[in-house]
N, C-alpha and C. Protein backbone atom coordinates (compact mmCIF):
# COMPACT_ATOMS: atom_id res chain seq x y z
N MET A 1 31.26 22.34 39.25
CA MET A 1 30.27 22.51 38.14
C MET A 1 30.97 22.07 36.84
N SER A 2 32.22 22.19 36.62
CA SER A 2 32.71 21.72 35.33
C SER A 2 32.77 20.23 35.23
N ASP A 3 32.74 19.40 36.26
CA ASP A 3 32.62 17.97 36.21
C ASP A 3 31.35 17.59 35.66
N THR A 4 30.21 18.37 36.17
CA THR A 4 28.91 18.10 35.49
C THR A 4 28.66 18.36 34.09
N THR A 5 29.40 19.64 33.82
CA THR A 5 29.36 20.02 32.31
C THR A 5 30.20 19.05 31.57
N SER A 6 31.22 18.65 31.98
CA SER A 6 32.18 17.57 31.14
C SER A 6 31.32 16.29 31.10
N SER A 7 30.64 15.82 32.17
CA SER A 7 29.85 14.66 32.05
C SER A 7 28.72 14.70 31.15
N ASN A 8 28.05 15.85 31.10
CA ASN A 8 26.98 16.04 30.11
C ASN A 8 27.47 16.10 28.76
N GLU A 9 28.56 16.71 28.60
CA GLU A 9 29.10 16.89 27.19
C GLU A 9 29.58 15.37 26.70
N THR A 10 30.20 14.62 27.63
CA THR A 10 30.58 13.34 27.22
C THR A 10 29.31 12.38 26.96
N THR A 11 28.31 12.57 27.82
CA THR A 11 27.04 11.72 27.57
C THR A 11 26.48 12.14 26.16
N GLN A 12 26.44 13.55 26.04
CA GLN A 12 25.93 13.96 24.68
C GLN A 12 26.73 13.43 23.45
N ASP A 13 27.99 13.45 23.70
CA ASP A 13 28.86 12.98 22.65
C ASP A 13 28.72 11.51 22.31
N LEU A 14 28.55 10.76 23.55
CA LEU A 14 28.30 9.27 23.30
C LEU A 14 27.03 9.04 22.60
N LEU A 15 25.95 9.77 23.05
CA LEU A 15 24.61 9.60 22.33
C LEU A 15 24.63 9.96 20.90
N SER A 16 25.39 11.05 20.70
CA SER A 16 25.46 11.51 19.29
C SER A 16 26.13 10.46 18.37
N ARG A 17 27.21 9.97 19.02
CA ARG A 17 27.87 8.72 18.19
C ARG A 17 27.05 7.44 18.00
N LEU A 18 26.40 7.34 19.06
CA LEU A 18 25.44 6.08 18.94
C LEU A 18 24.42 6.35 17.88
N LYS A 19 23.79 7.40 17.93
CA LYS A 19 22.71 7.69 16.95
C LYS A 19 23.39 7.80 15.59
N HIS A 20 24.61 8.15 15.40
CA HIS A 20 25.27 8.12 14.08
C HIS A 20 25.50 6.73 13.67
N LEU A 21 26.06 5.86 14.62
CA LEU A 21 26.20 4.46 14.10
C LEU A 21 24.98 3.71 13.90
N ALA A 22 23.92 4.18 14.76
CA ALA A 22 22.69 3.30 14.47
C ALA A 22 21.87 3.79 13.27
N GLN A 23 22.03 5.05 12.92
CA GLN A 23 21.26 5.45 11.83
C GLN A 23 21.14 4.78 10.60
N PRO A 24 22.14 4.09 10.01
CA PRO A 24 22.04 3.23 8.85
C PRO A 24 21.14 2.04 9.08
N LEU A 25 21.19 1.46 10.28
CA LEU A 25 20.36 0.32 10.73
C LEU A 25 18.98 0.80 10.70
N VAL A 26 18.66 1.80 11.31
CA VAL A 26 17.27 2.41 11.56
C VAL A 26 16.68 2.70 10.01
N ASP A 27 17.53 3.27 9.20
CA ASP A 27 17.15 3.61 7.83
C ASP A 27 16.81 2.41 7.09
N SER A 28 17.60 1.31 7.20
CA SER A 28 17.35 0.10 6.49
C SER A 28 16.17 -0.66 6.86
N LEU A 29 15.97 -0.62 8.32
CA LEU A 29 14.63 -1.18 8.86
C LEU A 29 13.49 -0.45 8.38
N ASP A 30 13.63 0.95 8.32
CA ASP A 30 12.51 1.76 7.88
C ASP A 30 12.13 1.53 6.45
N THR A 31 13.11 1.32 5.63
CA THR A 31 12.90 1.07 4.15
C THR A 31 12.40 -0.34 4.08
N ARG A 32 12.74 -1.36 4.76
CA ARG A 32 12.14 -2.69 4.74
C ARG A 32 10.79 -2.83 5.20
N LEU A 33 10.55 -2.09 6.14
CA LEU A 33 9.03 -1.93 6.72
C LEU A 33 8.08 -1.24 5.72
N ARG A 34 8.48 -0.18 5.14
CA ARG A 34 7.80 0.61 4.15
C ARG A 34 7.65 -0.27 2.85
N ASP A 35 8.56 -1.07 2.44
CA ASP A 35 8.42 -1.86 1.32
C ASP A 35 7.42 -3.00 1.52
N GLN A 36 7.50 -3.50 2.74
CA GLN A 36 6.57 -4.69 3.13
C GLN A 36 5.15 -4.14 3.28
N ILE A 37 4.99 -2.87 3.77
CA ILE A 37 3.61 -2.35 4.05
C ILE A 37 3.03 -1.94 2.54
N ASP A 38 3.95 -1.47 1.80
CA ASP A 38 3.57 -1.09 0.38
C ASP A 38 3.03 -2.44 -0.31
N ARG A 39 3.81 -3.48 -0.29
CA ARG A 39 3.37 -4.82 -0.84
C ARG A 39 1.95 -5.18 -0.29
N ARG A 40 1.81 -5.06 1.07
CA ARG A 40 0.51 -5.57 1.66
C ARG A 40 -0.65 -4.67 1.10
N VAL A 41 -0.39 -3.41 1.06
CA VAL A 41 -1.49 -2.58 0.60
C VAL A 41 -1.61 -2.78 -0.94
N ASP A 42 -0.64 -3.12 -1.71
CA ASP A 42 -0.99 -3.32 -3.19
C ASP A 42 -1.64 -4.68 -3.31
N ASP A 43 -1.32 -5.56 -2.51
CA ASP A 43 -2.02 -7.00 -2.59
C ASP A 43 -3.52 -6.73 -2.29
N ARG A 44 -3.69 -6.03 -1.18
CA ARG A 44 -5.26 -5.67 -0.72
C ARG A 44 -5.97 -4.87 -1.79
N VAL A 45 -5.28 -3.91 -2.31
CA VAL A 45 -5.98 -3.20 -3.37
C VAL A 45 -6.19 -3.99 -4.69
N ASP A 46 -5.40 -4.90 -5.11
CA ASP A 46 -5.48 -5.66 -6.16
C ASP A 46 -6.61 -6.68 -5.93
N GLU A 47 -6.74 -7.26 -4.68
CA GLU A 47 -7.83 -8.16 -4.41
C GLU A 47 -9.19 -7.43 -4.36
N SER A 48 -9.21 -6.14 -3.94
CA SER A 48 -10.47 -5.47 -3.90
C SER A 48 -10.81 -5.10 -5.38
N LEU A 49 -9.92 -4.67 -6.13
CA LEU A 49 -10.18 -4.29 -7.53
C LEU A 49 -10.64 -5.54 -8.28
N SER A 50 -10.01 -6.65 -8.12
CA SER A 50 -10.43 -7.82 -8.84
C SER A 50 -11.91 -8.27 -8.44
N SER A 51 -12.12 -8.20 -7.21
CA SER A 51 -13.49 -8.59 -6.83
C SER A 51 -14.56 -7.60 -7.51
N ARG A 52 -14.34 -6.27 -7.36
CA ARG A 52 -15.14 -5.38 -7.97
C ARG A 52 -15.22 -5.38 -9.43
N LEU A 53 -14.17 -5.71 -10.10
CA LEU A 53 -14.17 -5.81 -11.55
C LEU A 53 -15.05 -7.04 -12.02
N SER A 54 -14.87 -8.15 -11.29
CA SER A 54 -15.65 -9.40 -11.50
C SER A 54 -17.18 -9.00 -11.47
N VAL A 55 -17.61 -8.29 -10.62
CA VAL A 55 -19.07 -7.89 -10.48
C VAL A 55 -19.46 -7.01 -11.58
N ILE A 56 -18.59 -6.06 -12.05
CA ILE A 56 -18.82 -5.28 -13.18
C ILE A 56 -18.87 -6.03 -14.49
N GLU A 57 -17.99 -7.00 -14.63
CA GLU A 57 -17.97 -7.97 -15.77
C GLU A 57 -19.24 -8.65 -15.89
N ARG A 58 -19.73 -9.26 -14.73
CA ARG A 58 -20.97 -10.02 -14.71
C ARG A 58 -22.20 -9.11 -15.11
N ALA A 59 -22.17 -7.87 -14.64
CA ALA A 59 -23.31 -6.92 -14.96
C ALA A 59 -23.28 -6.60 -16.40
N ILE A 60 -22.09 -6.44 -17.01
CA ILE A 60 -21.88 -6.09 -18.35
C ILE A 60 -22.28 -7.24 -19.20
N ALA A 61 -22.10 -8.54 -18.77
CA ALA A 61 -22.54 -9.59 -19.54
C ALA A 61 -24.03 -9.82 -19.42
N ASP A 62 -24.66 -9.54 -18.37
CA ASP A 62 -26.10 -9.50 -18.21
C ASP A 62 -26.64 -8.58 -19.13
N LEU A 63 -26.21 -7.27 -19.00
CA LEU A 63 -26.73 -6.27 -20.00
C LEU A 63 -26.53 -6.57 -21.45
N ASP A 64 -25.51 -7.15 -21.72
CA ASP A 64 -25.18 -7.66 -23.26
C ASP A 64 -26.21 -8.70 -23.58
N ARG A 65 -26.58 -9.61 -22.66
CA ARG A 65 -27.52 -10.62 -23.02
C ARG A 65 -28.84 -10.03 -23.08
N ALA A 66 -29.19 -9.29 -22.20
CA ALA A 66 -30.60 -8.59 -22.27
C ALA A 66 -30.72 -7.74 -23.44
N LEU A 67 -29.76 -6.99 -23.95
CA LEU A 67 -29.78 -6.36 -25.17
C LEU A 67 -30.00 -7.18 -26.41
N ARG A 68 -29.18 -8.20 -26.42
CA ARG A 68 -29.32 -9.24 -27.47
C ARG A 68 -30.71 -9.76 -27.60
N GLU A 69 -31.32 -10.03 -26.42
CA GLU A 69 -32.81 -10.56 -26.40
C GLU A 69 -33.61 -9.54 -26.87
N LEU A 70 -33.52 -8.23 -26.50
CA LEU A 70 -34.29 -7.14 -26.99
C LEU A 70 -34.11 -7.00 -28.54
N GLN A 71 -32.96 -7.10 -28.98
CA GLN A 71 -32.64 -6.89 -30.32
C GLN A 71 -33.40 -8.11 -31.21
N GLU A 72 -33.23 -9.30 -30.62
CA GLU A 72 -33.93 -10.53 -31.36
C GLU A 72 -35.52 -10.21 -31.40
N ARG A 73 -36.05 -9.77 -30.32
CA ARG A 73 -37.44 -9.56 -30.35
C ARG A 73 -37.80 -8.29 -31.23
N LEU A 74 -37.06 -7.42 -31.40
CA LEU A 74 -37.32 -6.26 -32.24
C LEU A 74 -37.15 -6.84 -33.73
N ASP A 75 -36.22 -7.63 -33.88
CA ASP A 75 -36.08 -8.08 -35.32
C ASP A 75 -37.21 -9.10 -35.67
N ALA A 76 -37.73 -9.68 -34.71
CA ALA A 76 -38.89 -10.73 -34.94
C ALA A 76 -40.17 -10.09 -35.24
N THR A 77 -40.28 -8.83 -34.70
CA THR A 77 -41.46 -8.16 -34.89
C THR A 77 -41.42 -7.43 -36.24
N ASN A 78 -40.34 -7.10 -36.65
CA ASN A 78 -40.18 -6.36 -38.04
C ASN A 78 -40.18 -7.40 -39.15
C-alpha cells in the first residue's frame, strides 16, 4: 500500500509542478484572449452606436427643417 501512496504522491507532486509551470502561460493566454474579446466588443458597440447616432442626427435635421418651415409660415402670416 505504501507503493500506491508513494506513487499517488509522486503523481500529485508532478501535477502540481506542471500546473505551477504552466500557470504563467495560461494567465498570458487568458489576458490576450480577454483583450481581443474586449476590442471586438468595443468595435461592435462603436459600429452600433455610430449607426444609431446617424439615424438620430437625420431625425434632428428633419425636425430642424420642419421647424424652420413652420417659423417661416408663421412669420409670413404676421
